[in-house]
N, C-alpha and C. Protein backbone atom coordinates (compact mmCIF):
# COMPACT_ATOMS: atom_id res chain seq x y z
N MET A 1 34.96 -4.59 4.14
CA MET A 1 33.57 -4.29 3.77
C MET A 1 33.10 -3.05 4.54
N ASN A 2 32.52 -2.11 3.84
CA ASN A 2 32.04 -0.87 4.44
C ASN A 2 30.67 -1.12 5.06
N LYS A 3 30.59 -1.09 6.40
CA LYS A 3 29.34 -1.34 7.12
C LYS A 3 28.64 -0.01 7.38
N ARG A 4 27.43 0.14 6.83
CA ARG A 4 26.66 1.38 7.04
C ARG A 4 25.85 1.26 8.33
N THR A 5 25.72 2.37 9.01
CA THR A 5 24.90 2.38 10.23
C THR A 5 23.43 2.25 9.84
N LEU A 6 22.61 1.93 10.83
CA LEU A 6 21.17 1.86 10.58
C LEU A 6 20.62 3.21 10.13
N GLU A 7 21.12 4.30 10.72
CA GLU A 7 20.65 5.63 10.32
C GLU A 7 21.01 5.91 8.86
N GLU A 8 22.20 5.52 8.43
CA GLU A 8 22.60 5.71 7.02
C GLU A 8 21.70 4.89 6.11
N GLN A 9 21.38 3.66 6.53
CA GLN A 9 20.50 2.81 5.74
C GLN A 9 19.08 3.39 5.69
N ARG A 10 18.65 3.96 6.80
CA ARG A 10 17.31 4.56 6.85
C ARG A 10 17.23 5.76 5.91
N ILE A 11 18.26 6.60 5.90
CA ILE A 11 18.28 7.75 4.99
C ILE A 11 18.28 7.27 3.54
N GLU A 12 19.09 6.26 3.26
CA GLU A 12 19.14 5.70 1.90
C GLU A 12 17.76 5.15 1.50
N PHE A 13 17.13 4.41 2.38
CA PHE A 13 15.80 3.86 2.11
C PHE A 13 14.79 4.98 1.91
N SER A 14 14.85 6.00 2.76
CA SER A 14 13.89 7.11 2.71
C SER A 14 13.98 7.93 1.44
N ASN A 15 15.12 7.89 0.78
CA ASN A 15 15.31 8.68 -0.44
C ASN A 15 14.79 7.99 -1.70
N GLN A 16 14.17 6.83 -1.55
CA GLN A 16 13.60 6.14 -2.70
C GLN A 16 12.29 6.82 -3.11
N LYS A 17 11.81 6.45 -4.30
CA LYS A 17 10.57 7.05 -4.84
C LYS A 17 9.30 6.50 -4.19
N PHE A 18 9.26 5.21 -3.93
CA PHE A 18 8.09 4.55 -3.34
C PHE A 18 6.84 4.68 -4.19
N LEU A 19 6.98 4.52 -5.50
CA LEU A 19 5.82 4.62 -6.39
C LEU A 19 5.30 3.27 -6.86
N ALA A 20 6.15 2.27 -6.95
CA ALA A 20 5.74 0.99 -7.52
C ALA A 20 4.61 0.32 -6.74
N THR A 21 4.73 0.27 -5.42
CA THR A 21 3.72 -0.42 -4.62
C THR A 21 2.37 0.32 -4.64
N PRO A 22 2.34 1.64 -4.42
CA PRO A 22 1.03 2.29 -4.51
C PRO A 22 0.44 2.27 -5.92
N LEU A 23 1.28 2.31 -6.95
CA LEU A 23 0.76 2.19 -8.32
C LEU A 23 0.13 0.82 -8.53
N ALA A 24 0.78 -0.22 -8.01
CA ALA A 24 0.23 -1.57 -8.12
C ALA A 24 -1.10 -1.66 -7.37
N GLY A 25 -1.15 -1.08 -6.17
CA GLY A 25 -2.40 -1.07 -5.40
C GLY A 25 -3.50 -0.33 -6.13
N LEU A 26 -3.15 0.80 -6.71
CA LEU A 26 -4.12 1.60 -7.47
C LEU A 26 -4.68 0.79 -8.63
N ILE A 27 -3.83 0.13 -9.38
CA ILE A 27 -4.27 -0.67 -10.54
C ILE A 27 -5.18 -1.80 -10.09
N VAL A 28 -4.75 -2.55 -9.08
CA VAL A 28 -5.52 -3.70 -8.63
C VAL A 28 -6.88 -3.29 -8.05
N TRP A 29 -6.91 -2.27 -7.20
CA TRP A 29 -8.18 -1.85 -6.62
C TRP A 29 -9.10 -1.23 -7.66
N THR A 30 -8.54 -0.62 -8.71
CA THR A 30 -9.38 -0.13 -9.82
C THR A 30 -10.07 -1.30 -10.52
N ILE A 31 -9.30 -2.33 -10.79
CA ILE A 31 -9.87 -3.53 -11.43
C ILE A 31 -10.94 -4.14 -10.53
N ILE A 32 -10.66 -4.24 -9.23
CA ILE A 32 -11.63 -4.79 -8.28
C ILE A 32 -12.92 -3.96 -8.31
N GLY A 33 -12.79 -2.64 -8.35
CA GLY A 33 -13.97 -1.77 -8.41
C GLY A 33 -14.80 -2.01 -9.66
N PHE A 34 -14.14 -2.15 -10.80
CA PHE A 34 -14.88 -2.41 -12.05
C PHE A 34 -15.50 -3.80 -12.05
N VAL A 35 -14.81 -4.76 -11.47
CA VAL A 35 -15.40 -6.10 -11.34
C VAL A 35 -16.68 -6.00 -10.50
N GLY A 36 -16.63 -5.19 -9.44
CA GLY A 36 -17.81 -5.00 -8.60
C GLY A 36 -18.99 -4.41 -9.35
N ILE A 37 -18.69 -3.56 -10.33
CA ILE A 37 -19.76 -2.94 -11.13
C ILE A 37 -20.38 -3.94 -12.10
N PHE A 38 -19.53 -4.70 -12.80
CA PHE A 38 -20.00 -5.48 -13.94
C PHE A 38 -20.23 -6.96 -13.68
N PHE A 39 -19.79 -7.46 -12.53
CA PHE A 39 -19.91 -8.91 -12.30
C PHE A 39 -20.61 -9.18 -10.98
N SER A 40 -20.89 -10.45 -10.76
CA SER A 40 -21.60 -10.86 -9.53
C SER A 40 -20.69 -10.69 -8.31
N ASP A 41 -21.32 -10.73 -7.14
CA ASP A 41 -20.55 -10.65 -5.90
C ASP A 41 -19.57 -11.82 -5.78
N PHE A 42 -19.95 -12.97 -6.29
CA PHE A 42 -19.07 -14.15 -6.25
C PHE A 42 -17.75 -13.85 -6.97
N ILE A 43 -17.85 -13.27 -8.15
CA ILE A 43 -16.64 -12.93 -8.91
C ILE A 43 -15.91 -11.78 -8.23
N ALA A 44 -16.65 -10.83 -7.67
CA ALA A 44 -16.02 -9.70 -6.96
C ALA A 44 -15.21 -10.20 -5.77
N VAL A 45 -15.72 -11.20 -5.06
CA VAL A 45 -14.98 -11.78 -3.94
C VAL A 45 -13.65 -12.34 -4.43
N TRP A 46 -13.69 -13.10 -5.49
CA TRP A 46 -12.45 -13.69 -6.01
C TRP A 46 -11.49 -12.62 -6.54
N SER A 47 -12.05 -11.54 -7.08
CA SER A 47 -11.17 -10.47 -7.55
C SER A 47 -10.43 -9.82 -6.39
N ILE A 48 -11.07 -9.75 -5.22
CA ILE A 48 -10.39 -9.19 -4.05
C ILE A 48 -9.30 -10.13 -3.57
N PHE A 49 -9.62 -11.42 -3.44
CA PHE A 49 -8.60 -12.37 -2.99
C PHE A 49 -7.41 -12.43 -3.95
N ILE A 50 -7.70 -12.62 -5.22
CA ILE A 50 -6.63 -12.76 -6.21
C ILE A 50 -5.91 -11.44 -6.43
N GLY A 51 -6.67 -10.36 -6.57
CA GLY A 51 -6.08 -9.06 -6.85
C GLY A 51 -5.17 -8.56 -5.75
N THR A 52 -5.67 -8.55 -4.51
CA THR A 52 -4.84 -8.03 -3.42
C THR A 52 -3.66 -8.95 -3.14
N GLY A 53 -3.82 -10.23 -3.38
CA GLY A 53 -2.70 -11.15 -3.21
C GLY A 53 -1.62 -10.97 -4.26
N SER A 54 -1.97 -10.33 -5.36
CA SER A 54 -0.99 -10.15 -6.44
C SER A 54 -0.36 -8.75 -6.46
N ILE A 55 -0.76 -7.86 -5.55
CA ILE A 55 -0.21 -6.50 -5.56
C ILE A 55 1.30 -6.51 -5.45
N VAL A 56 1.83 -7.33 -4.56
CA VAL A 56 3.29 -7.35 -4.37
C VAL A 56 4.01 -7.78 -5.65
N TYR A 57 3.46 -8.72 -6.37
CA TYR A 57 4.09 -9.19 -7.61
C TYR A 57 4.00 -8.14 -8.71
N LEU A 58 2.85 -7.48 -8.79
CA LEU A 58 2.71 -6.39 -9.75
C LEU A 58 3.66 -5.25 -9.41
N ALA A 59 3.82 -4.96 -8.12
CA ALA A 59 4.75 -3.92 -7.68
C ALA A 59 6.18 -4.27 -8.08
N MET A 60 6.55 -5.54 -7.95
CA MET A 60 7.90 -5.96 -8.36
C MET A 60 8.11 -5.69 -9.85
N PHE A 61 7.09 -5.97 -10.65
CA PHE A 61 7.16 -5.72 -12.09
C PHE A 61 7.25 -4.22 -12.37
N ILE A 62 6.37 -3.45 -11.76
CA ILE A 62 6.34 -1.99 -11.98
C ILE A 62 7.64 -1.34 -11.52
N SER A 63 8.24 -1.88 -10.47
CA SER A 63 9.46 -1.27 -9.92
C SER A 63 10.59 -1.19 -10.93
N LYS A 64 10.58 -2.05 -11.92
CA LYS A 64 11.60 -1.99 -12.98
C LYS A 64 11.46 -0.72 -13.82
N TYR A 65 10.24 -0.19 -13.88
CA TYR A 65 9.96 0.98 -14.71
C TYR A 65 9.94 2.29 -13.91
N THR A 66 9.88 2.19 -12.59
CA THR A 66 9.90 3.40 -11.77
C THR A 66 11.31 3.71 -11.27
N GLY A 67 12.26 2.85 -11.61
CA GLY A 67 13.64 3.04 -11.16
C GLY A 67 13.90 2.48 -9.78
N GLU A 68 12.94 1.75 -9.22
CA GLU A 68 13.11 1.20 -7.88
C GLU A 68 13.67 -0.22 -7.91
N ASP A 69 13.37 -0.98 -8.91
CA ASP A 69 13.79 -2.36 -9.13
C ASP A 69 14.00 -3.15 -7.83
N PHE A 70 12.92 -3.65 -7.29
CA PHE A 70 12.96 -4.40 -6.03
C PHE A 70 13.86 -5.62 -6.09
N LEU A 71 14.04 -6.18 -7.27
CA LEU A 71 14.80 -7.41 -7.40
C LEU A 71 16.25 -7.20 -7.83
N ASP A 72 16.72 -5.95 -7.81
CA ASP A 72 18.09 -5.64 -8.20
C ASP A 72 19.07 -6.21 -7.18
N LYS A 73 19.83 -7.22 -7.60
CA LYS A 73 20.77 -7.90 -6.71
C LYS A 73 22.05 -7.10 -6.50
N THR A 74 22.27 -6.05 -7.30
CA THR A 74 23.51 -5.27 -7.17
C THR A 74 23.39 -4.17 -6.11
N LYS A 75 22.17 -3.86 -5.68
CA LYS A 75 22.00 -2.85 -4.64
C LYS A 75 22.57 -3.36 -3.32
N PRO A 76 23.18 -2.48 -2.55
CA PRO A 76 23.65 -2.92 -1.22
C PRO A 76 22.46 -3.29 -0.35
N LYS A 77 22.64 -4.30 0.50
CA LYS A 77 21.56 -4.73 1.38
C LYS A 77 21.19 -3.60 2.34
N ASN A 78 19.88 -3.47 2.57
CA ASN A 78 19.38 -2.42 3.45
C ASN A 78 18.37 -3.06 4.39
N GLU A 79 18.60 -2.90 5.68
CA GLU A 79 17.72 -3.50 6.69
C GLU A 79 16.29 -2.99 6.58
N PHE A 80 16.11 -1.78 6.07
CA PHE A 80 14.75 -1.22 5.97
C PHE A 80 14.00 -1.79 4.78
N ASP A 81 14.70 -2.25 3.74
CA ASP A 81 14.05 -3.01 2.68
C ASP A 81 13.45 -4.29 3.28
N LYS A 82 14.24 -4.93 4.11
CA LYS A 82 13.79 -6.15 4.77
C LYS A 82 12.58 -5.87 5.66
N LEU A 83 12.65 -4.79 6.43
CA LEU A 83 11.53 -4.42 7.29
C LEU A 83 10.27 -4.13 6.47
N PHE A 84 10.43 -3.45 5.34
CA PHE A 84 9.30 -3.15 4.47
C PHE A 84 8.65 -4.44 3.98
N PHE A 85 9.47 -5.43 3.59
CA PHE A 85 8.90 -6.69 3.13
C PHE A 85 8.21 -7.44 4.28
N PHE A 86 8.69 -7.25 5.50
CA PHE A 86 7.98 -7.82 6.65
C PHE A 86 6.61 -7.18 6.81
N THR A 87 6.48 -5.88 6.53
CA THR A 87 5.17 -5.24 6.62
C THR A 87 4.24 -5.78 5.53
N VAL A 88 4.80 -6.12 4.37
CA VAL A 88 4.00 -6.76 3.32
C VAL A 88 3.51 -8.12 3.81
N GLY A 89 4.41 -8.87 4.45
CA GLY A 89 4.02 -10.15 5.03
C GLY A 89 2.94 -10.00 6.08
N GLN A 90 3.05 -8.95 6.88
CA GLN A 90 2.04 -8.65 7.90
C GLN A 90 0.68 -8.44 7.25
N ALA A 91 0.67 -7.70 6.14
CA ALA A 91 -0.59 -7.44 5.43
C ALA A 91 -1.19 -8.75 4.91
N LEU A 92 -0.35 -9.66 4.44
CA LEU A 92 -0.86 -10.94 3.95
C LEU A 92 -1.40 -11.80 5.09
N LEU A 93 -0.74 -11.74 6.24
CA LEU A 93 -1.22 -12.50 7.39
C LEU A 93 -2.57 -11.99 7.89
N ALA A 94 -2.91 -10.77 7.54
CA ALA A 94 -4.19 -10.19 7.97
C ALA A 94 -5.38 -10.94 7.37
N TYR A 95 -5.14 -11.73 6.32
CA TYR A 95 -6.23 -12.52 5.76
C TYR A 95 -6.76 -13.52 6.79
N SER A 96 -5.94 -13.85 7.80
CA SER A 96 -6.41 -14.76 8.84
C SER A 96 -7.53 -14.13 9.66
N ILE A 97 -7.65 -12.82 9.63
CA ILE A 97 -8.77 -12.13 10.27
C ILE A 97 -9.91 -11.97 9.26
N ALA A 98 -9.56 -11.61 8.03
CA ALA A 98 -10.58 -11.34 7.01
C ALA A 98 -11.37 -12.59 6.63
N ILE A 99 -10.72 -13.72 6.52
CA ILE A 99 -11.40 -14.93 6.04
C ILE A 99 -12.50 -15.41 6.98
N PRO A 100 -12.29 -15.49 8.30
CA PRO A 100 -13.42 -15.91 9.15
C PRO A 100 -14.62 -14.98 9.08
N PHE A 101 -14.37 -13.67 9.00
CA PHE A 101 -15.50 -12.73 8.86
C PHE A 101 -16.17 -12.91 7.49
N PHE A 102 -15.38 -13.17 6.47
CA PHE A 102 -15.90 -13.41 5.13
C PHE A 102 -16.83 -14.62 5.13
N ILE A 103 -16.45 -15.67 5.86
CA ILE A 103 -17.27 -16.88 5.91
C ILE A 103 -18.63 -16.59 6.55
N ILE A 104 -18.65 -15.71 7.53
CA ILE A 104 -19.91 -15.35 8.20
C ILE A 104 -20.73 -14.37 7.34
N ASP A 105 -20.04 -13.37 6.77
CA ASP A 105 -20.71 -12.36 5.93
C ASP A 105 -19.76 -11.99 4.79
N TYR A 106 -20.02 -12.54 3.61
CA TYR A 106 -19.11 -12.33 2.48
C TYR A 106 -18.91 -10.85 2.14
N SER A 107 -19.92 -10.01 2.47
CA SER A 107 -19.80 -8.59 2.12
C SER A 107 -18.84 -7.84 3.06
N SER A 108 -18.32 -8.54 4.07
CA SER A 108 -17.32 -7.92 4.95
C SER A 108 -15.95 -7.86 4.28
N LEU A 109 -15.76 -8.62 3.22
CA LEU A 109 -14.43 -8.76 2.61
C LEU A 109 -13.83 -7.44 2.12
N PRO A 110 -14.56 -6.58 1.41
CA PRO A 110 -13.94 -5.32 1.00
C PRO A 110 -13.47 -4.48 2.19
N MET A 111 -14.24 -4.52 3.28
CA MET A 111 -13.87 -3.75 4.47
C MET A 111 -12.65 -4.35 5.15
N THR A 112 -12.69 -5.63 5.45
CA THR A 112 -11.59 -6.23 6.22
C THR A 112 -10.28 -6.20 5.43
N VAL A 113 -10.33 -6.61 4.18
CA VAL A 113 -9.10 -6.60 3.37
C VAL A 113 -8.67 -5.16 3.10
N GLY A 114 -9.62 -4.29 2.84
CA GLY A 114 -9.29 -2.89 2.58
C GLY A 114 -8.61 -2.22 3.75
N ILE A 115 -9.06 -2.51 4.96
CA ILE A 115 -8.45 -1.90 6.14
C ILE A 115 -7.16 -2.62 6.53
N LEU A 116 -7.23 -3.93 6.67
CA LEU A 116 -6.09 -4.67 7.20
C LEU A 116 -4.85 -4.58 6.31
N THR A 117 -5.04 -4.62 5.00
CA THR A 117 -3.86 -4.54 4.13
C THR A 117 -3.31 -3.12 4.05
N GLY A 118 -4.11 -2.15 4.45
CA GLY A 118 -3.63 -0.76 4.46
C GLY A 118 -2.85 -0.39 5.70
N LEU A 119 -2.86 -1.25 6.71
CA LEU A 119 -2.17 -0.93 7.96
C LEU A 119 -0.65 -0.93 7.81
N MET A 120 -0.15 -1.55 6.77
CA MET A 120 1.31 -1.57 6.56
C MET A 120 1.87 -0.17 6.33
N TRP A 121 1.00 0.78 6.03
CA TRP A 121 1.45 2.15 5.80
C TRP A 121 1.91 2.84 7.09
N LEU A 122 1.43 2.40 8.25
CA LEU A 122 1.84 3.02 9.51
C LEU A 122 3.34 2.84 9.78
N PRO A 123 3.85 1.60 9.79
CA PRO A 123 5.31 1.49 10.00
C PRO A 123 6.11 2.12 8.87
N PHE A 124 5.56 2.15 7.67
CA PHE A 124 6.24 2.81 6.55
C PHE A 124 6.48 4.29 6.88
N SER A 125 5.49 4.95 7.50
CA SER A 125 5.64 6.35 7.89
C SER A 125 6.82 6.53 8.84
N TRP A 126 6.93 5.62 9.79
CA TRP A 126 8.04 5.71 10.74
C TRP A 126 9.38 5.52 10.04
N ILE A 127 9.43 4.53 9.14
CA ILE A 127 10.69 4.23 8.46
C ILE A 127 11.18 5.45 7.69
N ILE A 128 10.30 6.09 6.92
CA ILE A 128 10.76 7.20 6.06
C ILE A 128 10.65 8.55 6.75
N ASN A 129 10.14 8.54 7.98
CA ASN A 129 10.04 9.78 8.75
C ASN A 129 9.20 10.83 8.02
N HIS A 130 8.03 10.38 7.55
CA HIS A 130 7.11 11.24 6.80
C HIS A 130 5.68 10.84 7.14
N TRP A 131 4.76 11.78 7.12
CA TRP A 131 3.38 11.55 7.51
C TRP A 131 2.52 10.85 6.48
N VAL A 132 3.01 10.59 5.28
CA VAL A 132 2.18 10.03 4.22
C VAL A 132 1.55 8.69 4.60
N GLY A 133 2.29 7.84 5.29
CA GLY A 133 1.74 6.55 5.69
C GLY A 133 0.66 6.65 6.74
N ILE A 134 0.83 7.59 7.66
CA ILE A 134 -0.21 7.84 8.67
C ILE A 134 -1.47 8.34 7.99
N PHE A 135 -1.31 9.26 7.05
CA PHE A 135 -2.46 9.75 6.27
C PHE A 135 -3.15 8.58 5.58
N HIS A 136 -2.37 7.78 4.85
CA HIS A 136 -2.95 6.70 4.05
C HIS A 136 -3.71 5.71 4.94
N ALA A 137 -3.07 5.22 5.99
CA ALA A 137 -3.70 4.22 6.86
C ALA A 137 -4.92 4.77 7.58
N THR A 138 -4.81 5.99 8.08
CA THR A 138 -5.91 6.59 8.86
C THR A 138 -7.12 6.89 7.98
N PHE A 139 -6.90 7.56 6.86
CA PHE A 139 -8.03 7.90 5.99
C PHE A 139 -8.62 6.66 5.33
N ARG A 140 -7.75 5.73 4.97
CA ARG A 140 -8.25 4.50 4.37
C ARG A 140 -9.15 3.74 5.34
N THR A 141 -8.72 3.62 6.57
CA THR A 141 -9.52 2.93 7.59
C THR A 141 -10.85 3.65 7.81
N THR A 142 -10.79 4.95 7.98
CA THR A 142 -11.99 5.74 8.26
C THR A 142 -12.98 5.69 7.11
N ILE A 143 -12.51 5.90 5.90
CA ILE A 143 -13.40 5.95 4.74
C ILE A 143 -13.97 4.57 4.42
N VAL A 144 -13.13 3.54 4.49
CA VAL A 144 -13.61 2.18 4.21
C VAL A 144 -14.68 1.78 5.22
N LEU A 145 -14.44 2.04 6.48
CA LEU A 145 -15.42 1.70 7.51
C LEU A 145 -16.72 2.47 7.32
N ALA A 146 -16.60 3.76 7.04
CA ALA A 146 -17.80 4.58 6.83
C ALA A 146 -18.60 4.08 5.63
N LEU A 147 -17.94 3.79 4.53
CA LEU A 147 -18.64 3.31 3.34
C LEU A 147 -19.28 1.94 3.57
N TRP A 148 -18.64 1.11 4.36
CA TRP A 148 -19.20 -0.21 4.64
C TRP A 148 -20.55 -0.06 5.33
N TYR A 149 -20.65 0.91 6.25
CA TYR A 149 -21.93 1.15 6.95
C TYR A 149 -22.92 1.94 6.10
N LEU A 150 -22.42 2.96 5.37
CA LEU A 150 -23.31 3.87 4.66
C LEU A 150 -23.86 3.31 3.35
N LEU A 151 -23.09 2.47 2.67
CA LEU A 151 -23.50 1.97 1.36
C LEU A 151 -23.45 0.44 1.30
N PRO A 152 -24.28 -0.24 2.10
CA PRO A 152 -24.19 -1.71 2.15
C PRO A 152 -24.45 -2.40 0.81
N GLU A 153 -25.24 -1.79 -0.05
CA GLU A 153 -25.53 -2.40 -1.35
C GLU A 153 -24.37 -2.23 -2.35
N TYR A 154 -23.47 -1.33 -2.04
CA TYR A 154 -22.39 -0.99 -2.99
C TYR A 154 -21.00 -1.23 -2.40
N ARG A 155 -20.89 -2.13 -1.46
CA ARG A 155 -19.61 -2.38 -0.77
C ARG A 155 -18.50 -2.82 -1.73
N PHE A 156 -18.85 -3.60 -2.73
CA PHE A 156 -17.84 -4.11 -3.67
C PHE A 156 -17.47 -3.09 -4.75
N ILE A 157 -18.12 -1.94 -4.72
CA ILE A 157 -17.82 -0.87 -5.68
C ILE A 157 -17.26 0.35 -4.96
N ALA A 158 -18.00 0.84 -3.98
CA ALA A 158 -17.62 2.09 -3.29
C ALA A 158 -16.29 1.95 -2.56
N ILE A 159 -16.11 0.85 -1.85
CA ILE A 159 -14.87 0.68 -1.07
C ILE A 159 -13.65 0.59 -1.97
N PRO A 160 -13.64 -0.23 -3.02
CA PRO A 160 -12.47 -0.25 -3.89
C PRO A 160 -12.15 1.12 -4.51
N PHE A 161 -13.17 1.85 -4.95
CA PHE A 161 -12.89 3.14 -5.58
C PHE A 161 -12.45 4.18 -4.56
N ALA A 162 -12.90 4.06 -3.31
CA ALA A 162 -12.39 4.96 -2.26
C ALA A 162 -10.91 4.69 -2.02
N ILE A 163 -10.53 3.42 -2.02
CA ILE A 163 -9.12 3.05 -1.84
C ILE A 163 -8.30 3.58 -3.01
N VAL A 164 -8.85 3.51 -4.21
CA VAL A 164 -8.17 4.07 -5.39
C VAL A 164 -7.93 5.57 -5.20
N LEU A 165 -8.94 6.27 -4.75
CA LEU A 165 -8.79 7.72 -4.52
C LEU A 165 -7.68 7.99 -3.50
N ILE A 166 -7.64 7.20 -2.44
CA ILE A 166 -6.60 7.39 -1.42
C ILE A 166 -5.23 7.10 -2.03
N TYR A 167 -5.13 6.09 -2.87
CA TYR A 167 -3.86 5.81 -3.55
C TYR A 167 -3.44 6.98 -4.45
N ILE A 168 -4.39 7.57 -5.15
CA ILE A 168 -4.06 8.70 -6.03
C ILE A 168 -3.49 9.85 -5.20
N ILE A 169 -4.14 10.16 -4.09
CA ILE A 169 -3.65 11.22 -3.21
C ILE A 169 -2.27 10.86 -2.65
N THR A 170 -2.12 9.61 -2.22
CA THR A 170 -0.85 9.15 -1.65
C THR A 170 0.28 9.25 -2.67
N ILE A 171 0.02 8.85 -3.90
CA ILE A 171 1.05 8.94 -4.95
C ILE A 171 1.42 10.39 -5.18
N GLY A 172 0.43 11.27 -5.19
CA GLY A 172 0.73 12.71 -5.32
C GLY A 172 1.61 13.21 -4.19
N ILE A 173 1.31 12.80 -2.97
CA ILE A 173 2.12 13.21 -1.82
C ILE A 173 3.54 12.67 -1.97
N LEU A 174 3.66 11.40 -2.34
CA LEU A 174 4.99 10.79 -2.51
C LEU A 174 5.79 11.48 -3.61
N LYS A 175 5.13 11.80 -4.71
CA LYS A 175 5.83 12.49 -5.80
C LYS A 175 6.27 13.88 -5.36
N ASN A 176 5.40 14.58 -4.64
CA ASN A 176 5.72 15.91 -4.15
C ASN A 176 6.85 15.84 -3.12
N ARG A 177 6.82 14.82 -2.27
CA ARG A 177 7.87 14.60 -1.28
C ARG A 177 9.20 14.43 -1.99
N GLY A 178 9.21 13.63 -3.06
CA GLY A 178 10.43 13.40 -3.83
C GLY A 178 10.95 14.67 -4.47
N ASN A 179 10.04 15.50 -5.00
CA ASN A 179 10.46 16.76 -5.63
C ASN A 179 11.07 17.71 -4.63
N LYS A 180 10.49 17.78 -3.43
CA LYS A 180 11.03 18.66 -2.39
C LYS A 180 12.40 18.18 -1.94
N GLU A 181 12.58 16.85 -1.85
CA GLU A 181 13.87 16.33 -1.41
C GLU A 181 14.95 16.54 -2.46
N GLU A 182 14.58 16.48 -3.75
CA GLU A 182 15.57 16.70 -4.80
C GLU A 182 16.12 18.12 -4.75
N SER A 183 15.28 19.08 -4.37
CA SER A 183 15.74 20.46 -4.31
C SER A 183 16.46 20.75 -2.99
N GLY A 184 16.29 19.85 -2.01
CA GLY A 184 16.95 20.03 -0.71
C GLY A 184 18.12 19.10 -0.55
N ASN A 185 18.44 18.78 0.67
CA ASN A 185 19.56 17.91 1.00
C ASN A 185 19.11 16.46 0.88
N LYS A 186 19.74 15.69 0.00
CA LYS A 186 19.37 14.29 -0.21
C LYS A 186 19.90 13.39 0.91
N ASN A 187 20.73 13.91 1.79
CA ASN A 187 21.32 13.08 2.85
C ASN A 187 20.48 13.04 4.11
N ALA A 188 19.39 13.78 4.15
CA ALA A 188 18.55 13.76 5.34
C ALA A 188 17.09 13.84 4.92
N PRO A 189 16.23 13.07 5.59
CA PRO A 189 14.80 13.17 5.28
C PRO A 189 14.32 14.59 5.50
N GLN A 190 13.44 15.06 4.60
CA GLN A 190 13.01 16.44 4.63
C GLN A 190 11.78 16.69 5.50
N HIS A 191 11.03 15.65 5.78
CA HIS A 191 9.76 15.85 6.49
C HIS A 191 9.75 15.03 7.76
N ASN A 192 9.32 15.59 8.81
CA ASN A 192 9.17 14.87 10.07
C ASN A 192 7.72 14.52 10.29
N ILE A 193 7.51 13.47 11.03
CA ILE A 193 6.14 13.06 11.37
C ILE A 193 5.59 14.00 12.41
């Protein structure tokens, strides 16, 4: 059996497209934003819980169409795939922080879930050796927090659509990153943090 080094696995992982998960996030947060516009806060709360909890499943579905296919059993095992799924688990465990604040102030939910679930982008940046995750996590945290304070009446609308905007920018960066790597050496990450 040919055993690949961790660095070889990291390069292999880094050369993926990484579009399925942010596309799933973009779709779900768009729906959450529209629910915030047209429905009561009660329904908006449930859209956040159900929607953000389903991003990983939607990403698995989308991955079949982006060429990433998360469930492909024929791909060689990669330790960084496993690490990435641990970051997804970390994001889900963040609900243990969001729920107590939600019980005290239900309008805290877009902020807490919006920030805490976005933190998984930080280790992602390290894994792929690219600044996109740092950008995503930092701007998402800053903008979500600012909107929570600046627009208290519109928390269930402004915060989801701000997250959508960040996803759009992130997807553009990821697509551009992929295009630059295709024209360069595919055996080494092209961008350093």
